[in-house]
Amino acid sequence: MAELSMAGMAASIQLLLRKMDAMERKLDELSSRSPEAGGKKPAGEIMTIEEAADFMGMSKAHIYRLSGSGALARVKIGRKTRFYRRDVEAYLKSCREKSLKEVRVEAAAYCRANPLHRIR
């Protein structure tokens, strides 16, 4: 086993200290987001535009377009726009595309139920 020189050990220790500092900063950042620390609270039953955008991973402008077009249900309280969490989740579910396996299972079930309508 090769022995580490003093310079090599010092460099390794410095690298470890930098990594530990980075980990501490990341932990501080994550803990500051917790509701107890006054950070972002988890989306509740009624969401603001910001909460809906964060929840869906979209921009606020896109959420406004979706709600303006009627694709995403909204609640207007005076000039404020709010969203029920269940409506946001329903919109996301409606955007889901079926996998090829799901389509094949449905097609097979349809063909069994309707033998005269076989796909050729």
PDB file of N, CA and C in Angstrom:
ATOM      1  N   MET A   1       0.846  -1.176   0.000  1.00  0.00           N
ATOM      2  CA  MET A   1       0.000   0.000   0.000  1.00  0.00           C
ATOM      3  C   MET A   1       0.892   1.241   0.000  1.00  0.00           C
ATOM      4  N   ALA A   2       0.617   2.147  -0.902  1.00  0.00           N
ATOM      5  CA  ALA A   2       1.428   3.358  -1.013  1.00  0.00           C
ATOM      6  C   ALA A   2       1.103   4.304   0.130  1.00  0.00           C
ATOM      7  N   GLU A   3       2.131   4.911   0.670  1.00  0.00           N
ATOM      8  CA  GLU A   3       1.932   5.843   1.773  1.00  0.00           C
ATOM      9  C   GLU A   3       1.631   7.222   1.224  1.00  0.00           C
ATOM     10  N   LEU A   4       0.787   7.942   1.914  1.00  0.00           N
ATOM     11  CA  LEU A   4       0.406   9.284   1.513  1.00  0.00           C
ATOM     12  C   LEU A   4       1.408  10.280   2.092  1.00  0.00           C
ATOM     13  N   SER A   5       1.816  11.208   1.265  1.00  0.00           N
ATOM     14  CA  SER A   5       2.722  12.246   1.765  1.00  0.00           C
ATOM     15  C   SER A   5       1.918  13.241   2.594  1.00  0.00           C
ATOM     16  N   MET A   6       2.630  14.059   3.317  1.00  0.00           N
ATOM     17  CA  MET A   6       1.959  15.075   4.134  1.00  0.00           C
ATOM     18  C   MET A   6       1.151  16.017   3.253  1.00  0.00           C
ATOM     19  N   ALA A   7       1.683  16.375   2.095  1.00  0.00           N
ATOM     20  CA  ALA A   7       0.962  17.272   1.179  1.00  0.00           C
ATOM     21  C   ALA A   7      -0.289  16.581   0.658  1.00  0.00           C
ATOM     22  N   GLY A   8      -0.172  15.295   0.370  1.00  0.00           N
ATOM     23  CA  GLY A   8      -1.326  14.527  -0.117  1.00  0.00           C
ATOM     24  C   GLY A   8      -2.407  14.416   0.944  1.00  0.00           C
ATOM     25  N   MET A   9      -2.006  14.183   2.197  1.00  0.00           N
ATOM     26  CA  MET A   9      -2.979  14.103   3.288  1.00  0.00           C
ATOM     27  C   MET A   9      -3.660  15.450   3.501  1.00  0.00           C
ATOM     28  N   ALA A  10      -2.897  16.523   3.426  1.00  0.00           N
ATOM     29  CA  ALA A  10      -3.476  17.859   3.614  1.00  0.00           C
ATOM     30  C   ALA A  10      -4.490  18.153   2.518  1.00  0.00           C
ATOM     31  N   ALA A  11      -4.165  17.775   1.294  1.00  0.00           N
ATOM     32  CA  ALA A  11      -5.091  18.001   0.173  1.00  0.00           C
ATOM     33  C   ALA A  11      -6.360  17.177   0.354  1.00  0.00           C
ATOM     34  N   SER A  12      -6.209  15.926   0.801  1.00  0.00           N
ATOM     35  CA  SER A  12      -7.376  15.063   1.022  1.00  0.00           C
ATOM     36  C   SER A  12      -8.270  15.623   2.119  1.00  0.00           C
ATOM     37  N   ILE A  13      -7.651  16.117   3.184  1.00  0.00           N
ATOM     38  CA  ILE A  13      -8.413  16.695   4.290  1.00  0.00           C
ATOM     39  C   ILE A  13      -9.160  17.944   3.817  1.00  0.00           C
ATOM     40  N   GLN A  14      -8.505  18.776   3.017  1.00  0.00           N
ATOM     41  CA  GLN A  14      -9.156  19.987   2.491  1.00  0.00           C
ATOM     42  C   GLN A  14     -10.351  19.618   1.622  1.00  0.00           C
ATOM     43  N   LEU A  15     -10.195  18.591   0.785  1.00  0.00           N
ATOM     44  CA  LEU A  15     -11.291  18.135  -0.072  1.00  0.00           C
ATOM     45  C   LEU A  15     -12.467  17.654   0.775  1.00  0.00           C
ATOM     46  N   LEU A  16     -12.182  16.867   1.803  1.00  0.00           N
ATOM     47  CA  LEU A  16     -13.242  16.393   2.697  1.00  0.00           C
ATOM     48  C   LEU A  16     -13.952  17.549   3.397  1.00  0.00           C
ATOM     49  N   LEU A  17     -13.198  18.526   3.845  1.00  0.00           N
ATOM     50  CA  LEU A  17     -13.811  19.682   4.514  1.00  0.00           C
ATOM     51  C   LEU A  17     -14.710  20.467   3.563  1.00  0.00           C
ATOM     52  N   ARG A  18     -14.274  20.637   2.306  1.00  0.00           N
ATOM     53  CA  ARG A  18     -15.111  21.344   1.320  1.00  0.00           C
ATOM     54  C   ARG A  18     -16.401  20.576   1.062  1.00  0.00           C
ATOM     55  N   LYS A  19     -16.285  19.252   0.964  1.00  0.00           N
ATOM     56  CA  LYS A  19     -17.490  18.438   0.727  1.00  0.00           C
ATOM     57  C   LYS A  19     -18.436  18.506   1.922  1.00  0.00           C
ATOM     58  N   MET A  20     -17.899  18.491   3.119  1.00  0.00           N
ATOM     59  CA  MET A  20     -18.744  18.597   4.307  1.00  0.00           C
ATOM     60  C   MET A  20     -19.433  19.957   4.374  1.00  0.00           C
ATOM     61  N   ASP A  21     -18.731  21.022   4.011  1.00  0.00           N
ATOM     62  CA  ASP A  21     -19.339  22.355   3.978  1.00  0.00           C
ATOM     63  C   ASP A  21     -20.485  22.398   2.970  1.00  0.00           C
ATOM     64  N   ALA A  22     -20.266  21.801   1.803  1.00  0.00           N
ATOM     65  CA  ALA A  22     -21.310  21.773   0.774  1.00  0.00           C
ATOM     66  C   ALA A  22     -22.526  20.994   1.268  1.00  0.00           C
ATOM     67  N   MET A  23     -22.290  19.887   1.961  1.00  0.00           N
ATOM     68  CA  MET A  23     -23.399  19.103   2.503  1.00  0.00           C
ATOM     69  C   MET A  23     -24.158  19.880   3.565  1.00  0.00           C
ATOM     70  N   GLU A  24     -23.465  20.596   4.413  1.00  0.00           N
ATOM     71  CA  GLU A  24     -24.127  21.403   5.441  1.00  0.00           C
ATOM     72  C   GLU A  24     -24.982  22.501   4.816  1.00  0.00           C
ATOM     73  N   ARG A  25     -24.439  23.147   3.765  1.00  0.00           N
ATOM     74  CA  ARG A  25     -25.222  24.188   3.084  1.00  0.00           C
ATOM     75  C   ARG A  25     -26.492  23.592   2.482  1.00  0.00           C
ATOM     76  N   LYS A  26     -26.379  22.422   1.867  1.00  0.00           N
ATOM     77  CA  LYS A  26     -27.543  21.773   1.256  1.00  0.00           C
ATOM     78  C   LYS A  26     -28.574  21.400   2.328  1.00  0.00           C
ATOM     79  N   LEU A  27     -28.116  20.870   3.454  1.00  0.00           N
ATOM     80  CA  LEU A  27     -29.034  20.543   4.544  1.00  0.00           C
ATOM     81  C   LEU A  27     -29.729  21.786   5.083  1.00  0.00           C
ATOM     82  N   ASP A  28     -28.989  22.878   5.216  1.00  0.00           N
ATOM     83  CA  ASP A  28     -29.597  24.131   5.673  1.00  0.00           C
ATOM     84  C   ASP A  28     -30.657  24.605   4.693  1.00  0.00           C
ATOM     85  N   GLU A  29     -30.350  24.492   3.401  1.00  0.00           N
ATOM     86  CA  GLU A  29     -31.308  24.907   2.367  1.00  0.00           C
ATOM     87  C   GLU A  29     -32.562  24.050   2.434  1.00  0.00           C
ATOM     88  N   LEU A  30     -32.401  22.750   2.554  1.00  0.00           N
ATOM     89  CA  LEU A  30     -33.561  21.863   2.607  1.00  0.00           C
ATOM     90  C   LEU A  30     -34.381  22.074   3.870  1.00  0.00           C
ATOM     91  N   SER A  31     -33.732  22.284   4.998  1.00  0.00           N
ATOM     92  CA  SER A  31     -34.487  22.473   6.236  1.00  0.00           C
ATOM     93  C   SER A  31     -35.207  23.817   6.256  1.00  0.00           C
ATOM     94  N   SER A  32     -34.690  24.811   5.524  1.00  0.00           N
ATOM     95  CA  SER A  32     -35.363  26.112   5.494  1.00  0.00           C
ATOM     96  C   SER A  32     -36.648  26.053   4.693  1.00  0.00           C
ATOM     97  N   ARG A  33     -36.821  25.019   3.862  1.00  0.00           N
ATOM     98  CA  ARG A  33     -38.054  24.868   3.090  1.00  0.00           C
ATOM     99  C   ARG A  33     -39.161  24.198   3.876  1.00  0.00           C
ATOM    100  N   SER A  34     -38.841  23.613   5.013  1.00  0.00           N
ATOM    101  CA  SER A  34     -39.860  22.896   5.777  1.00  0.00           C
ATOM    102  C   SER A  34     -40.883  23.892   6.317  1.00  0.00           C
ATOM    103  N   PRO A  35     -42.145  23.471   6.435  1.00  0.00           N
ATOM    104  CA  PRO A  35     -43.182  24.373   6.941  1.00  0.00           C
ATOM    105  C   PRO A  35     -42.877  24.892   8.335  1.00  0.00           C
ATOM    106  N   GLU A  36     -42.242  24.067   9.189  1.00  0.00           N
ATOM    107  CA  GLU A  36     -41.938  24.503  10.546  1.00  0.00           C
ATOM    108  C   GLU A  36     -40.943  25.658  10.534  1.00  0.00           C
ATOM    109  N   ALA A  37     -40.070  25.690   9.514  1.00  0.00           N
ATOM    110  CA  ALA A  37     -39.054  26.734   9.445  1.00  0.00           C
ATOM    111  C   ALA A  37     -39.541  27.957   8.681  1.00  0.00           C
ATOM    112  N   GLY A  38     -40.803  27.958   8.286  1.00  0.00           N
ATOM    113  CA  GLY A  38     -41.347  29.101   7.566  1.00  0.00           C
ATOM    114  C   GLY A  38     -41.055  29.062   6.079  1.00  0.00           C
ATOM    115  N   GLY A  39     -40.621  27.926   5.559  1.00  0.00           N
ATOM    116  CA  GLY A  39     -40.352  27.788   4.131  1.00  0.00           C
ATOM    117  C   GLY A  39     -41.642  27.513   3.376  1.00  0.00           C
ATOM    118  N   LYS A  40     -41.504  26.991   2.171  1.00  0.00           N
ATOM    119  CA  LYS A  40     -42.690  26.684   1.373  1.00  0.00           C
ATOM    120  C   LYS A  40     -43.520  25.628   2.075  1.00  0.00           C
ATOM    121  N   LYS A  41     -44.804  25.886   2.158  1.00  0.00           N
ATOM    122  CA  LYS A  41     -45.674  24.890   2.760  1.00  0.00           C
ATOM    123  C   LYS A  41     -46.164  23.949   1.672  1.00  0.00           C
ATOM    124  N   PRO A  42     -46.487  22.724   2.042  1.00  0.00           N
ATOM    125  CA  PRO A  42     -46.999  21.805   1.034  1.00  0.00           C
ATOM    126  C   PRO A  42     -48.356  22.290   0.530  1.00  0.00           C
ATOM    127  N   ALA A  43     -48.647  21.968  -0.704  1.00  0.00           N
ATOM    128  CA  ALA A  43     -49.911  22.406  -1.292  1.00  0.00           C
ATOM    129  C   ALA A  43     -51.076  21.801  -0.523  1.00  0.00           C
ATOM    130  N   GLY A  44     -52.000  22.639  -0.096  1.00  0.00           N
ATOM    131  CA  GLY A  44     -53.156  22.181   0.671  1.00  0.00           C
ATOM    132  C   GLY A  44     -54.343  21.931  -0.231  1.00  0.00           C
ATOM    133  N   GLU A  45     -55.524  21.984   0.335  1.00  0.00           N
ATOM    134  CA  GLU A  45     -56.753  21.732  -0.421  1.00  0.00           C
ATOM    135  C   GLU A  45     -56.993  22.830  -1.451  1.00  0.00           C
ATOM    136  N   ILE A  46     -56.715  24.082  -1.082  1.00  0.00           N
ATOM    137  CA  ILE A  46     -56.861  25.201  -2.016  1.00  0.00           C
ATOM    138  C   ILE A  46     -55.473  25.759  -2.288  1.00  0.00           C
ATOM    139  N   MET A  47     -55.139  25.909  -3.567  1.00  0.00           N
ATOM    140  CA  MET A  47     -53.798  26.320  -3.957  1.00  0.00           C
ATOM    141  C   MET A  47     -53.816  27.691  -4.617  1.00  0.00           C
ATOM    142  N   THR A  48     -52.765  28.455  -4.374  1.00  0.00           N
ATOM    143  CA  THR A  48     -52.562  29.701  -5.100  1.00  0.00           C
ATOM    144  C   THR A  48     -51.996  29.364  -6.475  1.00  0.00           C
ATOM    145  N   ILE A  49     -51.869  30.355  -7.321  1.00  0.00           N
ATOM    146  CA  ILE A  49     -51.295  30.132  -8.648  1.00  0.00           C
ATOM    147  C   ILE A  49     -49.855  29.639  -8.523  1.00  0.00           C
ATOM    148  N   GLU A  50     -49.112  30.188  -7.564  1.00  0.00           N
ATOM    149  CA  GLU A  50     -47.720  29.771  -7.360  1.00  0.00           C
ATOM    150  C   GLU A  50     -47.639  28.323  -6.907  1.00  0.00           C
ATOM    151  N   GLU A  51     -48.510  27.941  -5.979  1.00  0.00           N
ATOM    152  CA  GLU A  51     -48.510  26.569  -5.483  1.00  0.00           C
ATOM    153  C   GLU A  51     -48.905  25.584  -6.578  1.00  0.00           C
ATOM    154  N   ALA A  52     -49.905  25.959  -7.384  1.00  0.00           N
ATOM    155  CA  ALA A  52     -50.314  25.080  -8.483  1.00  0.00           C
ATOM    156  C   ALA A  52     -49.185  24.935  -9.501  1.00  0.00           C
ATOM    157  N   ALA A  53     -48.505  26.026  -9.804  1.00  0.00           N
ATOM    158  CA  ALA A  53     -47.396  25.980 -10.759  1.00  0.00           C
ATOM    159  C   ALA A  53     -46.265  25.102 -10.229  1.00  0.00           C
ATOM    160  N   ASP A  54     -45.928  25.247  -8.947  1.00  0.00           N
ATOM    161  CA  ASP A  54     -44.885  24.409  -8.342  1.00  0.00           C
ATOM    162  C   ASP A  54     -45.294  22.943  -8.350  1.00  0.00           C
ATOM    163  N   PHE A  55     -46.539  22.682  -7.990  1.00  0.00           N
ATOM    164  CA  PHE A  55     -47.047  21.320  -7.904  1.00  0.00           C
ATOM    165  C   PHE A  55     -47.003  20.633  -9.275  1.00  0.00           C
ATOM    166  N   MET A  56     -47.343  21.389 -10.327  1.00  0.00           N
ATOM    167  CA  MET A  56     -47.407  20.821 -11.671  1.00  0.00           C
ATOM    168  C   MET A  56     -46.083  20.923 -12.419  1.00  0.00           C
ATOM    169  N   GLY A  57     -45.143  21.677 -11.868  1.00  0.00           N
ATOM    170  CA  GLY A  57     -43.860  21.844 -12.550  1.00  0.00           C
ATOM    171  C   GLY A  57     -43.981  22.697 -13.797  1.00  0.00           C
ATOM    172  N   MET A  58     -44.846  23.689 -13.754  1.00  0.00           N
ATOM    173  CA  MET A  58     -45.091  24.568 -14.901  1.00  0.00           C
ATOM    174  C   MET A  58     -44.921  26.022 -14.462  1.00  0.00           C
ATOM    175  N   SER A  59     -44.883  26.895 -15.440  1.00  0.00           N
ATOM    176  CA  SER A  59     -44.793  28.316 -15.125  1.00  0.00           C
ATOM    177  C   SER A  59     -46.181  28.847 -14.736  1.00  0.00           C
ATOM    178  N   LYS A  60     -46.189  29.970 -14.034  1.00  0.00           N
ATOM    179  CA  LYS A  60     -47.458  30.603 -13.681  1.00  0.00           C
ATOM    180  C   LYS A  60     -48.220  31.003 -14.937  1.00  0.00           C
ATOM    181  N   ALA A  61     -47.501  31.487 -15.944  1.00  0.00           N
ATOM    182  CA  ALA A  61     -48.153  31.906 -17.190  1.00  0.00           C
ATOM    183  C   ALA A  61     -48.888  30.732 -17.840  1.00  0.00           C
ATOM    184  N   HIS A  62     -48.271  29.548 -17.804  1.00  0.00           N
ATOM    185  CA  HIS A  62     -48.918  28.382 -18.403  1.00  0.00           C
ATOM    186  C   HIS A  62     -50.168  27.996 -17.614  1.00  0.00           C
ATOM    187  N   ILE A  63     -50.104  28.105 -16.298  1.00  0.00           N
ATOM    188  CA  ILE A  63     -51.276  27.802 -15.470  1.00  0.00           C
ATOM    189  C   ILE A  63     -52.400  28.796 -15.778  1.00  0.00           C
ATOM    190  N   TYR A  64     -52.054  30.073 -15.946  1.00  0.00           N
ATOM    191  CA  TYR A  64     -53.065  31.069 -16.315  1.00  0.00           C
ATOM    192  C   TYR A  64     -53.688  30.729 -17.670  1.00  0.00           C
ATOM    193  N   ARG A  65     -52.872  30.299 -18.635  1.00  0.00           N
ATOM    194  CA  ARG A  65     -53.417  29.927 -19.951  1.00  0.00           C
ATOM    195  C   ARG A  65     -54.358  28.729 -19.829  1.00  0.00           C
ATOM    196  N   LEU A  66     -53.960  27.731 -19.052  1.00  0.00           N
ATOM    197  CA  LEU A  66     -54.811  26.549 -18.873  1.00  0.00           C
ATOM    198  C   LEU A  66     -56.137  26.912 -18.221  1.00  0.00           C
ATOM    199  N   SER A  67     -56.083  27.749 -17.192  1.00  0.00           N
ATOM    200  CA  SER A  67     -57.320  28.114 -16.506  1.00  0.00           C
ATOM    201  C   SER A  67     -58.162  29.056 -17.363  1.00  0.00           C
ATOM    202  N   GLY A  68     -57.523  29.921 -18.118  1.00  0.00           N
ATOM    203  CA  GLY A  68     -58.262  30.834 -18.991  1.00  0.00           C
ATOM    204  C   GLY A  68     -58.979  30.115 -20.119  1.00  0.00           C
ATOM    205  N   SER A  69     -58.366  29.030 -20.602  1.00  0.00           N
ATOM    206  CA  SER A  69     -58.985  28.269 -21.697  1.00  0.00           C
ATOM    207  C   SER A  69     -60.050  27.298 -21.186  1.00  0.00           C
ATOM    208  N   GLY A  70     -60.136  27.130 -19.872  1.00  0.00           N
ATOM    209  CA  GLY A  70     -61.119  26.222 -19.300  1.00  0.00           C
ATOM    210  C   GLY A  70     -60.601  24.804 -19.132  1.00  0.00           C
ATOM    211  N   ALA A  71     -59.353  24.543 -19.516  1.00  0.00           N
ATOM    212  CA  ALA A  71     -58.795  23.195 -19.378  1.00  0.00           C
ATOM    213  C   ALA A  71     -58.560  22.842 -17.917  1.00  0.00           C
ATOM    214  N   LEU A  72     -58.262  23.838 -17.099  1.00  0.00           N
ATOM    215  CA  LEU A  72     -58.025  23.640 -15.672  1.00  0.00           C
ATOM    216  C   LEU A  72     -59.032  24.486 -14.900  1.00  0.00           C
ATOM    217  N   ALA A  73     -59.852  23.804 -14.096  1.00  0.00           N
ATOM    218  CA  ALA A  73     -60.884  24.516 -13.323  1.00  0.00           C
ATOM    219  C   ALA A  73     -60.233  25.438 -12.299  1.00  0.00           C
ATOM    220  N   ARG A  74     -60.858  26.593 -12.103  1.00  0.00           N
ATOM    221  CA  ARG A  74     -60.327  27.558 -11.136  1.00  0.00           C
ATOM    222  C   ARG A  74     -61.453  28.129 -10.303  1.00  0.00           C
ATOM    223  N   VAL A  75     -61.070  28.774  -9.216  1.00  0.00           N
ATOM    224  CA  VAL A  75     -62.013  29.459  -8.339  1.00  0.00           C
ATOM    225  C   VAL A  75     -61.593  30.914  -8.315  1.00  0.00           C
ATOM    226  N   LYS A  76     -62.506  31.816  -8.654  1.00  0.00           N
ATOM    227  CA  LYS A  76     -62.213  33.243  -8.612  1.00  0.00           C
ATOM    228  C   LYS A  76     -62.861  33.826  -7.369  1.00  0.00           C
ATOM    229  N   ILE A  77     -62.036  34.427  -6.525  1.00  0.00           N
ATOM    230  CA  ILE A  77     -62.520  35.100  -5.326  1.00  0.00           C
ATOM    231  C   ILE A  77     -62.090  36.552  -5.479  1.00  0.00           C
ATOM    232  N   GLY A  78     -63.012  37.379  -5.916  1.00  0.00           N
ATOM    233  CA  GLY A  78     -62.649  38.756  -6.245  1.00  0.00           C
ATOM    234  C   GLY A  78     -61.675  38.738  -7.413  1.00  0.00           C
ATOM    235  N   ARG A  79     -60.498  39.294  -7.215  1.00  0.00           N
ATOM    236  CA  ARG A  79     -59.476  39.306  -8.270  1.00  0.00           C
ATOM    237  C   ARG A  79     -58.476  38.165  -8.120  1.00  0.00           C
ATOM    238  N   LYS A  80     -58.656  37.373  -7.080  1.00  0.00           N
ATOM    239  CA  LYS A  80     -57.712  36.286  -6.820  1.00  0.00           C
ATOM    240  C   LYS A  80     -58.166  34.992  -7.486  1.00  0.00           C
ATOM    241  N   THR A  81     -57.206  34.258  -8.010  1.00  0.00           N
ATOM    242  CA  THR A  81     -57.473  32.965  -8.628  1.00  0.00           C
ATOM    243  C   THR A  81     -56.912  31.877  -7.728  1.00  0.00           C
ATOM    244  N   ARG A  82     -57.742  30.894  -7.446  1.00  0.00           N
ATOM    245  CA  ARG A  82     -57.328  29.758  -6.626  1.00  0.00           C
ATOM    246  C   ARG A  82     -57.717  28.470  -7.353  1.00  0.00           C
ATOM    247  N   PHE A  83     -57.090  27.373  -6.927  1.00  0.00           N
ATOM    248  CA  PHE A  83     -57.331  26.080  -7.550  1.00  0.00           C
ATOM    249  C   PHE A  83     -57.540  25.035  -6.463  1.00  0.00           C
ATOM    250  N   TYR A  84     -58.547  24.187  -6.646  1.00  0.00           N
ATOM    251  CA  TYR A  84     -58.702  23.051  -5.754  1.00  0.00           C
ATOM    252  C   TYR A  84     -57.661  22.013  -6.141  1.00  0.00           C
ATOM    253  N   ARG A  85     -57.032  21.439  -5.143  1.00  0.00           N
ATOM    254  CA  ARG A  85     -56.006  20.428  -5.391  1.00  0.00           C
ATOM    255  C   ARG A  85     -56.568  19.274  -6.228  1.00  0.00           C
ATOM    256  N   ARG A  86     -57.796  18.863  -5.936  1.00  0.00           N
ATOM    257  CA  ARG A  86     -58.395  17.741  -6.675  1.00  0.00           C
ATOM    258  C   ARG A  86     -58.558  18.076  -8.152  1.00  0.00           C
ATOM    259  N   ASP A  87     -58.820  19.357  -8.480  1.00  0.00           N
ATOM    260  CA  ASP A  87     -58.938  19.754  -9.886  1.00  0.00           C
ATOM    261  C   ASP A  87     -57.586  19.724 -10.583  1.00  0.00           C
ATOM    262  N   VAL A  88     -56.548  20.139  -9.873  1.00  0.00           N
ATOM    263  CA  VAL A  88     -55.197  20.113 -10.435  1.00  0.00           C
ATOM    264  C   VAL A  88     -54.775  18.664 -10.688  1.00  0.00           C
ATOM    265  N   GLU A  89     -55.036  17.783  -9.714  1.00  0.00           N
ATOM    266  CA  GLU A  89     -54.693  16.371  -9.876  1.00  0.00           C
ATOM    267  C   GLU A  89     -55.505  15.738 -10.994  1.00  0.00           C
ATOM    268  N   ALA A  90     -56.789  16.105 -11.120  1.00  0.00           N
ATOM    269  CA  ALA A  90     -57.631  15.571 -12.195  1.00  0.00           C
ATOM    270  C   ALA A  90     -57.109  16.018 -13.556  1.00  0.00           C
ATOM    271  N   TYR A  91     -56.649  17.265 -13.652  1.00  0.00           N
ATOM    272  CA  TYR A  91     -56.089  17.739 -14.919  1.00  0.00           C
ATOM    273  C   TYR A  91     -54.844  16.932 -15.278  1.00  0.00           C
ATOM    274  N   LEU A  92     -53.978  16.714 -14.305  1.00  0.00           N
ATOM    275  CA  LEU A  92     -52.767  15.939 -14.568  1.00  0.00           C
ATOM    276  C   LEU A  92     -53.101  14.517 -15.003  1.00  0.00           C
ATOM    277  N   LYS A  93     -54.103  13.911 -14.361  1.00  0.00           N
ATOM    278  CA  LYS A  93     -54.506  12.547 -14.750  1.00  0.00           C
ATOM    279  C   LYS A  93     -55.066  12.531 -16.164  1.00  0.00           C
ATOM    280  N   SER A  94     -55.778  13.595 -16.543  1.00  0.00           N
ATOM    281  CA  SER A  94     -56.376  13.633 -17.884  1.00  0.00           C
ATOM    282  C   SER A  94     -55.308  13.763 -18.972  1.00  0.00           C
ATOM    283  N   CYS A  95     -54.131  14.235 -18.603  1.00  0.00           N
ATOM    284  CA  CYS A  95     -53.045  14.398 -19.571  1.00  0.00           C
ATOM    285  C   CYS A  95     -52.230  13.118 -19.749  1.00  0.00           C
ATOM    286  N   ARG A  96     -52.481  12.140 -18.910  1.00  0.00           N
ATOM    287  CA  ARG A  96     -51.702  10.908 -18.944  1.00  0.00           C
ATOM    288  C   ARG A  96     -52.000  10.126 -20.213  1.00  0.00           C
ATOM    289  N   GLU A  97     -50.960   9.666 -20.865  1.00  0.00           N
ATOM    290  CA  GLU A  97     -51.107   8.815 -22.042  1.00  0.00           C
ATOM    291  C   GLU A  97     -50.934   7.368 -21.625  1.00  0.00           C
ATOM    292  N   LYS A  98     -51.742   6.491 -22.187  1.00  0.00           N
ATOM    293  CA  LYS A  98     -51.658   5.076 -21.850  1.00  0.00           C
ATOM    294  C   LYS A  98     -50.398   4.471 -22.445  1.00  0.00           C
ATOM    295  N   SER A  99     -49.875   3.492 -21.725  1.00  0.00           N
ATOM    296  CA  SER A  99     -48.699   2.788 -22.234  1.00  0.00           C
ATOM    297  C   SER A  99     -49.138   1.830 -23.342  1.00  0.00           C
ATOM    298  N   LEU A 100     -48.191   1.386 -24.135  1.00  0.00           N
ATOM    299  CA  LEU A 100     -48.487   0.449 -25.215  1.00  0.00           C
ATOM    300  C   LEU A 100     -49.087  -0.836 -24.649  1.00  0.00           C
ATOM    301  N   LYS A 101     -48.612  -1.256 -23.501  1.00  0.00           N
ATOM    302  CA  LYS A 101     -49.143  -2.465 -22.868  1.00  0.00           C
ATOM    303  C   LYS A 101     -50.614  -2.278 -22.507  1.00  0.00           C
ATOM    304  N   GLU A 102     -50.972  -1.117 -21.950  1.00  0.00           N
ATOM    305  CA  GLU A 102     -52.364  -0.846 -21.585  1.00  0.00           C
ATOM    306  C   GLU A 102     -53.264  -0.836 -22.817  1.00  0.00           C
ATOM    307  N   VAL A 103     -52.785  -0.252 -23.897  1.00  0.00           N
ATOM    308  CA  VAL A 103     -53.569  -0.198 -25.133  1.00  0.00           C
ATOM    309  C   VAL A 103     -53.789  -1.607 -25.670  1.00  0.00           C
ATOM    310  N   ARG A 104     -52.743  -2.428 -25.649  1.00  0.00           N
ATOM    311  CA  ARG A 104     -52.875  -3.812 -26.145  1.00  0.00           C
ATOM    312  C   ARG A 104     -53.841  -4.621 -25.301  1.00  0.00           C
ATOM    313  N   VAL A 105     -53.808  -4.443 -23.974  1.00  0.00           N
ATOM    314  CA  VAL A 105     -54.735  -5.163 -23.093  1.00  0.00           C
ATOM    315  C   VAL A 105     -56.166  -4.739 -23.389  1.00  0.00           C
ATOM    316  N   GLU A 106     -56.405  -3.437 -23.557  1.00  0.00           N
ATOM    317  CA  GLU A 106     -57.745  -2.947 -23.872  1.00  0.00           C
ATOM    318  C   GLU A 106     -58.212  -3.462 -25.233  1.00  0.00           C
ATOM    319  N   ALA A 107     -57.319  -3.474 -26.210  1.00  0.00           N
ATOM    320  CA  ALA A 107     -57.675  -3.959 -27.547  1.00  0.00           C
ATOM    321  C   ALA A 107     -58.024  -5.440 -27.504  1.00  0.00           C
ATOM    322  N   ALA A 108     -57.264  -6.231 -26.769  1.00  0.00           N
ATOM    323  CA  ALA A 108     -57.541  -7.664 -26.649  1.00  0.00           C
ATOM    324  C   ALA A 108     -58.881  -7.895 -25.969  1.00  0.00           C
ATOM    325  N   ALA A 109     -59.172  -7.131 -24.920  1.00  0.00           N
ATOM    326  CA  ALA A 109     -60.451  -7.261 -24.223  1.00  0.00           C
ATOM    327  C   ALA A 109     -61.606  -6.879 -25.141  1.00  0.00           C
ATOM    328  N   TYR A 110     -61.425  -5.837 -25.939  1.00  0.00           N
ATOM    329  CA  TYR A 110     -62.466  -5.421 -26.875  1.00  0.00           C
ATOM    330  C   TYR A 110     -62.706  -6.511 -27.919  1.00  0.00           C
ATOM    331  N   CYS A 111     -61.629  -7.081 -28.434  1.00  0.00           N
ATOM    332  CA  CYS A 111     -61.763  -8.127 -29.462  1.00  0.00           C
ATOM    333  C   CYS A 111     -62.446  -9.366 -28.902  1.00  0.00           C
ATOM    334  N   ARG A 112     -62.172  -9.698 -27.639  1.00  0.00           N
ATOM    335  CA  ARG A 112     -62.856 -10.845 -27.021  1.00  0.00           C
ATOM    336  C   ARG A 112     -64.341 -10.549 -26.838  1.00  0.00           C
ATOM    337  N   ALA A 113     -64.679  -9.334 -26.462  1.00  0.00           N
ATOM    338  CA  ALA A 113     -66.065  -8.951 -26.226  1.00  0.00           C
ATOM    339  C   ALA A 113     -66.839  -8.751 -27.520  1.00  0.00           C
ATOM    340  N   ASN A 114     -66.148  -8.410 -28.598  1.00  0.00           N
ATOM    341  CA  ASN A 114     -66.794  -8.110 -29.888  1.00  0.00           C
ATOM    342  C   ASN A 114     -66.102  -8.912 -30.988  1.00  0.00           C
ATOM    343  N   PRO A 115     -66.371 -10.194 -31.077  1.00  0.00           N
ATOM    344  CA  PRO A 115     -65.627 -11.037 -32.038  1.00  0.00           C
ATOM    345  C   PRO A 115     -65.851 -10.649 -33.496  1.00  0.00           C
ATOM    346  N   LEU A 116     -66.935  -9.996 -33.829  1.00  0.00           N
ATOM    347  CA  LEU A 116     -67.184  -9.617 -35.211  1.00  0.00           C
ATOM    348  C   LEU A 116     -66.441  -8.363 -35.623  1.00  0.00           C
ATOM    349  N   HIS A 117     -65.876  -7.628 -34.651  1.00  0.00           N
ATOM    350  CA  HIS A 117     -65.183  -6.377 -34.936  1.00  0.00           C
ATOM    351  C   HIS A 117     -63.666  -6.523 -34.767  1.00  0.00           C
ATOM    352  N   ARG A 118     -63.130  -7.597 -35.219  1.00  0.00           N
ATOM    353  CA  ARG A 118     -61.683  -7.834 -35.063  1.00  0.00           C
ATOM    354  C   ARG A 118     -60.899  -6.842 -35.926  1.00  0.00           C
ATOM    355  N   ILE A 119     -59.780  -6.433 -35.382  1.00  0.00           N
ATOM    356  CA  ILE A 119     -58.878  -5.559 -36.123  1.00  0.00           C
ATOM    357  C   ILE A 119     -57.971  -6.436 -36.964  1.00  0.00           C
ATOM    358  N   ARG A 120     -57.843  -6.111 -38.259  1.00  0.00           N
ATOM    359  CA  ARG A 120     -57.016  -6.953 -39.142  1.00  0.00           C
ATOM    360  C   ARG A 120     -55.710  -6.305 -39.437  1.00  0.00           C
TER     361      ARG A 120
END
